[in-house]
PDB file of N, CA and C in Angstrom:
ATOM      1  N   MET A   1      -1.056 -15.393  11.360  1.00  0.00           N
ATOM      2  CA  MET A   1      -0.892 -14.103  11.997  1.00  0.00           C
ATOM      3  C   MET A   1      -0.554 -13.056  10.936  1.00  0.00           C
ATOM      4  N   VAL A   2      -1.288 -11.990  10.951  1.00  0.00           N
ATOM      5  CA  VAL A   2      -1.057 -10.899  10.018  1.00  0.00           C
ATOM      6  C   VAL A   2       0.007  -9.968  10.600  1.00  0.00           C
ATOM      7  N   VAL A   3       0.993  -9.632   9.797  1.00  0.00           N
ATOM      8  CA  VAL A   3       2.008  -8.670  10.200  1.00  0.00           C
ATOM      9  C   VAL A   3       1.798  -7.423   9.346  1.00  0.00           C
ATOM     10  N   THR A   4       1.555  -6.314  10.008  1.00  0.00           N
ATOM     11  CA  THR A   4       1.330  -5.071   9.273  1.00  0.00           C
ATOM     12  C   THR A   4       2.660  -4.484   8.829  1.00  0.00           C
ATOM     13  N   ASN A   5       2.599  -3.566   7.896  1.00  0.00           N
ATOM     14  CA  ASN A   5       3.810  -2.871   7.461  1.00  0.00           C
ATOM     15  C   ASN A   5       4.476  -2.160   8.636  1.00  0.00           C
ATOM     16  N   ALA A   6       3.676  -1.546   9.496  1.00  0.00           N
ATOM     17  CA  ALA A   6       4.228  -0.822  10.645  1.00  0.00           C
ATOM     18  C   ALA A   6       4.993  -1.767  11.567  1.00  0.00           C
ATOM     19  N   GLN A   7       4.452  -2.948  11.810  1.00  0.00           N
ATOM     20  CA  GLN A   7       5.148  -3.932  12.645  1.00  0.00           C
ATOM     21  C   GLN A   7       6.453  -4.364  11.980  1.00  0.00           C
ATOM     22  N   HIS A   8       6.388  -4.637  10.693  1.00  0.00           N
ATOM     23  CA  HIS A   8       7.582  -5.045   9.954  1.00  0.00           C
ATOM     24  C   HIS A   8       8.646  -3.952  10.017  1.00  0.00           C
ATOM     25  N   ASN A   9       8.235  -2.707   9.828  1.00  0.00           N
ATOM     26  CA  ASN A   9       9.183  -1.593   9.846  1.00  0.00           C
ATOM     27  C   ASN A   9       9.849  -1.438  11.211  1.00  0.00           C
ATOM     28  N   ARG A  10       9.085  -1.637  12.276  1.00  0.00           N
ATOM     29  CA  ARG A  10       9.680  -1.566  13.610  1.00  0.00           C
ATOM     30  C   ARG A  10      10.739  -2.654  13.793  1.00  0.00           C
ATOM     31  N   LYS A  11      10.463  -3.856  13.300  1.00  0.00           N
ATOM     32  CA  LYS A  11      11.445  -4.937  13.400  1.00  0.00           C
ATOM     33  C   LYS A  11      12.720  -4.606  12.630  1.00  0.00           C
ATOM     34  N   GLN A  12      12.566  -3.975  11.481  1.00  0.00           N
ATOM     35  CA  GLN A  12      13.732  -3.603  10.682  1.00  0.00           C
ATOM     36  C   GLN A  12      14.535  -2.507  11.392  1.00  0.00           C
ATOM     37  N   ALA A  13      13.846  -1.558  12.008  1.00  0.00           N
ATOM     38  CA  ALA A  13      14.545  -0.504  12.753  1.00  0.00           C
ATOM     39  C   ALA A  13      15.302  -1.101  13.935  1.00  0.00           C
ATOM     40  N   ILE A  14      14.718  -2.075  14.600  1.00  0.00           N
ATOM     41  CA  ILE A  14      15.399  -2.742  15.713  1.00  0.00           C
ATOM     42  C   ILE A  14      16.672  -3.426  15.219  1.00  0.00           C
ATOM     43  N   ARG A  15      16.614  -4.048  14.044  1.00  0.00           N
ATOM     44  CA  ARG A  15      17.808  -4.668  13.463  1.00  0.00           C
ATOM     45  C   ARG A  15      18.897  -3.623  13.236  1.00  0.00           C
ATOM     46  N   LEU A  16      18.494  -2.457  12.720  1.00  0.00           N
ATOM     47  CA  LEU A  16      19.464  -1.393  12.468  1.00  0.00           C
ATOM     48  C   LEU A  16      20.050  -0.858  13.770  1.00  0.00           C
ATOM     49  N   PHE A  17      19.212  -0.648  14.777  1.00  0.00           N
ATOM     50  CA  PHE A  17      19.718  -0.204  16.079  1.00  0.00           C
ATOM     51  C   PHE A  17      20.717  -1.216  16.637  1.00  0.00           C
ATOM     52  N   ALA A  18      20.371  -2.485  16.554  1.00  0.00           N
ATOM     53  CA  ALA A  18      21.249  -3.539  17.078  1.00  0.00           C
ATOM     54  C   ALA A  18      22.592  -3.563  16.356  1.00  0.00           C
ATOM     55  N   ALA A  19      22.598  -3.121  15.103  1.00  0.00           N
ATOM     56  CA  ALA A  19      23.835  -3.093  14.320  1.00  0.00           C
ATOM     57  C   ALA A  19      24.622  -1.801  14.538  1.00  0.00           C
ATOM     58  N   GLY A  20      24.123  -0.924  15.397  1.00  0.00           N
ATOM     59  CA  GLY A  20      24.858   0.286  15.736  1.00  0.00           C
ATOM     60  C   GLY A  20      24.409   1.561  15.048  1.00  0.00           C
ATOM     61  N   PHE A  21      23.332   1.516  14.292  1.00  0.00           N
ATOM     62  CA  PHE A  21      22.827   2.723  13.641  1.00  0.00           C
ATOM     63  C   PHE A  21      22.154   3.616  14.675  1.00  0.00           C
ATOM     64  N   THR A  22      22.262   4.909  14.486  1.00  0.00           N
ATOM     65  CA  THR A  22      21.587   5.868  15.363  1.00  0.00           C
ATOM     66  C   THR A  22      20.200   6.182  14.808  1.00  0.00           C
ATOM     67  N   ALA A  23      19.388   6.794  15.647  1.00  0.00           N
ATOM     68  CA  ALA A  23      18.059   7.215  15.203  1.00  0.00           C
ATOM     69  C   ALA A  23      18.162   8.163  14.017  1.00  0.00           C
ATOM     70  N   ALA A  24      19.122   9.078  14.072  1.00  0.00           N
ATOM     71  CA  ALA A  24      19.302  10.045  12.978  1.00  0.00           C
ATOM     72  C   ALA A  24      19.685   9.341  11.678  1.00  0.00           C
ATOM     73  N   GLU A  25      20.531   8.333  11.765  1.00  0.00           N
ATOM     74  CA  GLU A  25      20.939   7.592  10.558  1.00  0.00           C
ATOM     75  C   GLU A  25      19.767   6.817   9.963  1.00  0.00           C
ATOM     76  N   ILE A  26      18.962   6.228  10.816  1.00  0.00           N
ATOM     77  CA  ILE A  26      17.800   5.472  10.329  1.00  0.00           C
ATOM     78  C   ILE A  26      16.809   6.421   9.662  1.00  0.00           C
ATOM     79  N   ALA A  27      16.518   7.536  10.312  1.00  0.00           N
ATOM     80  CA  ALA A  27      15.584   8.508   9.735  1.00  0.00           C
ATOM     81  C   ALA A  27      16.112   9.084   8.432  1.00  0.00           C
ATOM     82  N   ALA A  28      17.423   9.291   8.340  1.00  0.00           N
ATOM     83  CA  ALA A  28      18.007   9.846   7.114  1.00  0.00           C
ATOM     84  C   ALA A  28      17.954   8.843   5.965  1.00  0.00           C
ATOM     85  N   SER A  29      18.186   7.581   6.258  1.00  0.00           N
ATOM     86  CA  SER A  29      18.210   6.595   5.171  1.00  0.00           C
ATOM     87  C   SER A  29      16.823   6.047   4.833  1.00  0.00           C
ATOM     88  N   TRP A  30      15.877   6.222   5.728  1.00  0.00           N
ATOM     89  CA  TRP A  30      14.506   5.744   5.497  1.00  0.00           C
ATOM     90  C   TRP A  30      13.519   6.885   5.752  1.00  0.00           C
ATOM     91  N   GLY A  31      13.729   7.999   5.075  1.00  0.00           N
ATOM     92  CA  GLY A  31      12.947   9.206   5.298  1.00  0.00           C
ATOM     93  C   GLY A  31      11.469   9.117   4.966  1.00  0.00           C
ATOM     94  N   ARG A  32      11.088   8.146   4.159  1.00  0.00           N
ATOM     95  CA  ARG A  32       9.656   7.976   3.868  1.00  0.00           C
ATOM     96  C   ARG A  32       8.967   7.140   4.947  1.00  0.00           C
ATOM     97  N   VAL A  33       9.758   6.524   5.821  1.00  0.00           N
ATOM     98  CA  VAL A  33       9.204   5.645   6.853  1.00  0.00           C
ATOM     99  C   VAL A  33       9.324   6.264   8.244  1.00  0.00           C
ATOM    100  N   TRP A  34      10.467   6.908   8.512  1.00  0.00           N
ATOM    101  CA  TRP A  34      10.763   7.425   9.845  1.00  0.00           C
ATOM    102  C   TRP A  34      11.055   8.922   9.808  1.00  0.00           C
ATOM    103  N   LYS A  35      10.651   9.622  10.863  1.00  0.00           N
ATOM    104  CA  LYS A  35      11.021  11.026  11.011  1.00  0.00           C
ATOM    105  C   LYS A  35      11.715  11.186  12.358  1.00  0.00           C
ATOM    106  N   LEU A  36      12.582  12.174  12.433  1.00  0.00           N
ATOM    107  CA  LEU A  36      13.363  12.442  13.634  1.00  0.00           C
ATOM    108  C   LEU A  36      12.759  13.625  14.368  1.00  0.00           C
ATOM    109  N   SER A  37      12.521  13.454  15.649  1.00  0.00           N
ATOM    110  CA  SER A  37      11.964  14.548  16.452  1.00  0.00           C
ATOM    111  C   SER A  37      13.087  15.462  16.934  1.00  0.00           C
ATOM    112  N   ALA A  38      12.709  16.586  17.491  1.00  0.00           N
ATOM    113  CA  ALA A  38      13.689  17.555  17.977  1.00  0.00           C
ATOM    114  C   ALA A  38      14.561  16.977  19.089  1.00  0.00           C
ATOM    115  N   ASP A  39      14.029  16.003  19.821  1.00  0.00           N
ATOM    116  CA  ASP A  39      14.809  15.402  20.908  1.00  0.00           C
ATOM    117  C   ASP A  39      15.582  14.151  20.470  1.00  0.00           C
ATOM    118  N   GLY A  40      15.651  13.923  19.146  1.00  0.00           N
ATOM    119  CA  GLY A  40      16.480  12.852  18.618  1.00  0.00           C
ATOM    120  C   GLY A  40      15.858  11.476  18.569  1.00  0.00           C
ATOM    121  N   LYS A  41      14.557  11.389  18.736  1.00  0.00           N
ATOM    122  CA  LYS A  41      13.866  10.102  18.674  1.00  0.00           C
ATOM    123  C   LYS A  41      13.215   9.944  17.305  1.00  0.00           C
ATOM    124  N   ILE A  42      13.097   8.693  16.859  1.00  0.00           N
ATOM    125  CA  ILE A  42      12.414   8.478  15.590  1.00  0.00           C
ATOM    126  C   ILE A  42      10.974   8.044  15.843  1.00  0.00           C
ATOM    127  N   SER A  43      10.127   8.407  14.918  1.00  0.00           N
ATOM    128  CA  SER A  43       8.751   7.926  14.945  1.00  0.00           C
ATOM    129  C   SER A  43       8.351   7.587  13.521  1.00  0.00           C
ATOM    130  N   GLN A  44       7.518   6.582  13.432  1.00  0.00           N
ATOM    131  CA  GLN A  44       7.103   6.106  12.128  1.00  0.00           C
ATOM    132  C   GLN A  44       6.099   7.075  11.511  1.00  0.00           C
ATOM    133  N   ILE A  45       6.166   7.214  10.213  1.00  0.00           N
ATOM    134  CA  ILE A  45       5.246   8.084   9.476  1.00  0.00           C
ATOM    135  C   ILE A  45       4.092   7.210   8.986  1.00  0.00           C
ATOM    136  N   TYR A  46       2.892   7.559   9.418  1.00  0.00           N
ATOM    137  CA  TYR A  46       1.710   6.801   9.024  1.00  0.00           C
ATOM    138  C   TYR A  46       0.954   7.547   7.938  1.00  0.00           C
ATOM    139  N   ASP A  47       0.262   6.805   7.096  1.00  0.00           N
ATOM    140  CA  ASP A  47      -0.553   7.393   6.039  1.00  0.00           C
ATOM    141  C   ASP A  47      -1.843   7.944   6.634  1.00  0.00           C
ATOM    142  N   ASP A  48      -2.321   9.028   6.079  1.00  0.00           N
ATOM    143  CA  ASP A  48      -3.583   9.595   6.541  1.00  0.00           C
ATOM    144  C   ASP A  48      -4.766   8.684   6.236  1.00  0.00           C
ATOM    145  N   VAL A  49      -4.707   8.003   5.124  1.00  0.00           N
ATOM    146  CA  VAL A  49      -5.856   7.214   4.700  1.00  0.00           C
ATOM    147  C   VAL A  49      -5.678   5.716   4.914  1.00  0.00           C
ATOM    148  N   ALA A  50      -4.472   5.276   5.180  1.00  0.00           N
ATOM    149  CA  ALA A  50      -4.243   3.842   5.367  1.00  0.00           C
ATOM    150  C   ALA A  50      -4.611   3.449   6.789  1.00  0.00           C
ATOM    151  N   THR A  51      -5.389   2.416   6.913  1.00  0.00           N
ATOM    152  CA  THR A  51      -5.774   1.905   8.227  1.00  0.00           C
ATOM    153  C   THR A  51      -5.472   0.418   8.287  1.00  0.00           C
ATOM    154  N   LEU A  52      -5.701  -0.150   9.430  1.00  0.00           N
ATOM    155  CA  LEU A  52      -5.505  -1.590   9.561  1.00  0.00           C
ATOM    156  C   LEU A  52      -6.423  -2.368   8.625  1.00  0.00           C
ATOM    157  N   ALA A  53      -7.446  -1.713   8.117  1.00  0.00           N
ATOM    158  CA  ALA A  53      -8.334  -2.381   7.175  1.00  0.00           C
ATOM    159  C   ALA A  53      -7.593  -2.811   5.912  1.00  0.00           C
ATOM    160  N   LEU A  54      -6.411  -2.227   5.664  1.00  0.00           N
ATOM    161  CA  LEU A  54      -5.600  -2.688   4.537  1.00  0.00           C
ATOM    162  C   LEU A  54      -5.171  -4.135   4.722  1.00  0.00           C
ATOM    163  N   HIS A  55      -5.016  -4.540   5.983  1.00  0.00           N
ATOM    164  CA  HIS A  55      -4.503  -5.866   6.288  1.00  0.00           C
ATOM    165  C   HIS A  55      -5.549  -6.811   6.836  1.00  0.00           C
ATOM    166  N   ARG A  56      -6.644  -6.250   7.287  1.00  0.00           N
ATOM    167  CA  ARG A  56      -7.700  -7.077   7.870  1.00  0.00           C
ATOM    168  C   ARG A  56      -9.031  -6.669   7.261  1.00  0.00           C
ATOM    169  N   SER A  57      -9.857  -7.623   6.992  1.00  0.00           N
ATOM    170  CA  SER A  57     -11.139  -7.310   6.362  1.00  0.00           C
ATOM    171  C   SER A  57     -12.300  -7.380   7.345  1.00  0.00           C
ATOM    172  N   ASP A  58     -12.027  -7.568   8.628  1.00  0.00           N
ATOM    173  CA  ASP A  58     -13.128  -7.678   9.563  1.00  0.00           C
ATOM    174  C   ASP A  58     -13.690  -6.306   9.950  1.00  0.00           C
ATOM    175  N   LYS A  59     -14.861  -6.327  10.540  1.00  0.00           N
ATOM    176  CA  LYS A  59     -15.568  -5.095  10.885  1.00  0.00           C
ATOM    177  C   LYS A  59     -14.774  -4.251  11.886  1.00  0.00           C
ATOM    178  N   LEU A  60     -14.145  -4.895  12.853  1.00  0.00           N
ATOM    179  CA  LEU A  60     -13.376  -4.167  13.857  1.00  0.00           C
ATOM    180  C   LEU A  60     -12.271  -3.342  13.221  1.00  0.00           C
ATOM    181  N   ALA A  61     -11.552  -3.924  12.289  1.00  0.00           N
ATOM    182  CA  ALA A  61     -10.466  -3.205  11.623  1.00  0.00           C
ATOM    183  C   ALA A  61     -11.000  -2.010  10.851  1.00  0.00           C
ATOM    184  N   ALA A  62     -12.135  -2.193  10.213  1.00  0.00           N
ATOM    185  CA  ALA A  62     -12.712  -1.107   9.437  1.00  0.00           C
ATOM    186  C   ALA A  62     -13.196   0.036  10.331  1.00  0.00           C
ATOM    187  N   GLU A  63     -13.656  -0.297  11.521  1.00  0.00           N
ATOM    188  CA  GLU A  63     -14.215   0.717  12.417  1.00  0.00           C
ATOM    189  C   GLU A  63     -13.183   1.365  13.334  1.00  0.00           C
ATOM    190  N   CYS A  64     -12.057   0.711  13.561  1.00  0.00           N
ATOM    191  CA  CYS A  64     -11.115   1.193  14.573  1.00  0.00           C
ATOM    192  C   CYS A  64     -10.404   2.471  14.155  1.00  0.00           C
ATOM    193  N   GLY A  65     -10.162   2.629  12.845  1.00  0.00           N
ATOM    194  CA  GLY A  65      -9.512   3.833  12.369  1.00  0.00           C
ATOM    195  C   GLY A  65      -8.041   3.939  12.719  1.00  0.00           C
ATOM    196  N   LEU A  66      -7.441   2.859  13.206  1.00  0.00           N
ATOM    197  CA  LEU A  66      -6.008   2.902  13.504  1.00  0.00           C
ATOM    198  C   LEU A  66      -5.242   3.085  12.214  1.00  0.00           C
ATOM    199  N   THR A  67      -4.296   3.994  12.243  1.00  0.00           N
ATOM    200  CA  THR A  67      -3.551   4.261  11.025  1.00  0.00           C
ATOM    201  C   THR A  67      -2.470   3.215  10.789  1.00  0.00           C
ATOM    202  N   GLU A  68      -2.041   3.136   9.552  1.00  0.00           N
ATOM    203  CA  GLU A  68      -1.053   2.174   9.102  1.00  0.00           C
ATOM    204  C   GLU A  68      -0.200   2.885   8.060  1.00  0.00           C
ATOM    205  N   THR A  69       0.836   2.240   7.628  1.00  0.00           N
ATOM    206  CA  THR A  69       1.655   2.785   6.563  1.00  0.00           C
ATOM    207  C   THR A  69       1.612   1.855   5.364  1.00  0.00           C
ATOM    208  N   SER A  70       1.606   2.431   4.197  1.00  0.00           N
ATOM    209  CA  SER A  70       1.611   1.617   2.979  1.00  0.00           C
ATOM    210  C   SER A  70       3.034   1.278   2.564  1.00  0.00           C
ATOM    211  N   ILE A  71       4.016   1.825   3.282  1.00  0.00           N
ATOM    212  CA  ILE A  71       5.423   1.616   2.930  1.00  0.00           C
ATOM    213  C   ILE A  71       6.022   0.550   3.833  1.00  0.00           C
ATOM    214  N   SER A  72       6.713  -0.385   3.214  1.00  0.00           N
ATOM    215  CA  SER A  72       7.375  -1.449   3.955  1.00  0.00           C
ATOM    216  C   SER A  72       8.871  -1.395   3.669  1.00  0.00           C
ATOM    217  N   MET A  73       9.676  -1.378   4.718  1.00  0.00           N
ATOM    218  CA  MET A  73      11.128  -1.350   4.560  1.00  0.00           C
ATOM    219  C   MET A  73      11.584  -2.686   3.965  1.00  0.00           C
ATOM    220  N   SER A  74      12.468  -2.627   3.023  1.00  0.00           N
ATOM    221  CA  SER A  74      12.998  -3.829   2.403  1.00  0.00           C
ATOM    222  C   SER A  74      13.979  -4.517   3.350  1.00  0.00           C
ATOM    223  N   SER A  75      13.670  -5.748   3.731  1.00  0.00           N
ATOM    224  CA  SER A  75      14.567  -6.515   4.596  1.00  0.00           C
ATOM    225  C   SER A  75      15.923  -6.699   3.933  1.00  0.00           C
ATOM    226  N   THR A  76      15.909  -6.897   2.628  1.00  0.00           N
ATOM    227  CA  THR A  76      17.149  -7.082   1.874  1.00  0.00           C
ATOM    228  C   THR A  76      18.011  -5.828   1.946  1.00  0.00           C
ATOM    229  N   HIS A  77      17.376  -4.673   1.811  1.00  0.00           N
ATOM    230  CA  HIS A  77      18.123  -3.412   1.878  1.00  0.00           C
ATOM    231  C   HIS A  77      18.685  -3.190   3.286  1.00  0.00           C
ATOM    232  N   VAL A  78      17.909  -3.507   4.301  1.00  0.00           N
ATOM    233  CA  VAL A  78      18.382  -3.370   5.676  1.00  0.00           C
ATOM    234  C   VAL A  78      19.576  -4.292   5.901  1.00  0.00           C
ATOM    235  N   THR A  79      19.491  -5.522   5.423  1.00  0.00           N
ATOM    236  CA  THR A  79      20.608  -6.461   5.542  1.00  0.00           C
ATOM    237  C   THR A  79      21.849  -5.903   4.863  1.00  0.00           C
ATOM    238  N   GLN A  80      21.674  -5.295   3.691  1.00  0.00           N
ATOM    239  CA  GLN A  80      22.805  -4.697   2.970  1.00  0.00           C
ATOM    240  C   GLN A  80      23.413  -3.543   3.762  1.00  0.00           C
ATOM    241  N   GLN A  81      22.564  -2.706   4.337  1.00  0.00           N
ATOM    242  CA  GLN A  81      23.068  -1.600   5.162  1.00  0.00           C
ATOM    243  C   GLN A  81      23.914  -2.132   6.322  1.00  0.00           C
ATOM    244  N   ILE A  82      23.439  -3.188   6.954  1.00  0.00           N
ATOM    245  CA  ILE A  82      24.152  -3.769   8.092  1.00  0.00           C
ATOM    246  C   ILE A  82      25.477  -4.359   7.645  1.00  0.00           C
ATOM    247  N   LYS A  83      25.478  -5.057   6.514  1.00  0.00           N
ATOM    248  CA  LYS A  83      26.735  -5.620   5.977  1.00  0.00           C
ATOM    249  C   LYS A  83      27.743  -4.524   5.674  1.00  0.00           C
ATOM    250  N   GLU A  84      27.280  -3.445   5.078  1.00  0.00           N
ATOM    251  CA  GLU A  84      28.168  -2.323   4.755  1.00  0.00           C
ATOM    252  C   GLU A  84      28.718  -1.689   6.030  1.00  0.00           C
ATOM    253  N   ARG A  85      27.914  -1.577   7.062  1.00  0.00           N
ATOM    254  CA  ARG A  85      28.369  -0.999   8.340  1.00  0.00           C
ATOM    255  C   ARG A  85      29.443  -1.889   8.962  1.00  0.00           C
ATOM    256  N   LYS A  86      29.227  -3.201   8.934  1.00  0.00           N
ATOM    257  CA  LYS A  86      30.199  -4.124   9.517  1.00  0.00           C
ATOM    258  C   LYS A  86      31.506  -4.149   8.739  1.00  0.00           C
ATOM    259  N   ALA A  87      31.447  -3.866   7.425  1.00  0.00           N
ATOM    260  CA  ALA A  87      32.645  -3.893   6.592  1.00  0.00           C
ATOM    261  C   ALA A  87      33.537  -2.684   6.830  1.00  0.00           C
ATOM    262  N   LYS A  88      33.018  -1.647   7.448  1.00  0.00           N
ATOM    263  CA  LYS A  88      33.811  -0.419   7.675  1.00  0.00           C
ATOM    264  C   LYS A  88      34.797  -0.607   8.803  1.00  0.00           C
TER     265      LYS A  88
END
């Protein structure tokens, strides 16, 4: 099973939410991955040119044009953020 960067990033954000981080805190610490909307929700930032074809070589992926992100959140860094939050 192929896991895209976008899928991985969503899993990391869920870990941060579960540890008590707010949307604003996640967007502030991962500004290249997440942006905060006016209503306080985060959304992932996708690359203009990156598509699922980065992860899949089949014809469907090449034709679908679904965007993807070339940035992947570091699981190690997320774990460190969570440890630091729990230590406070």
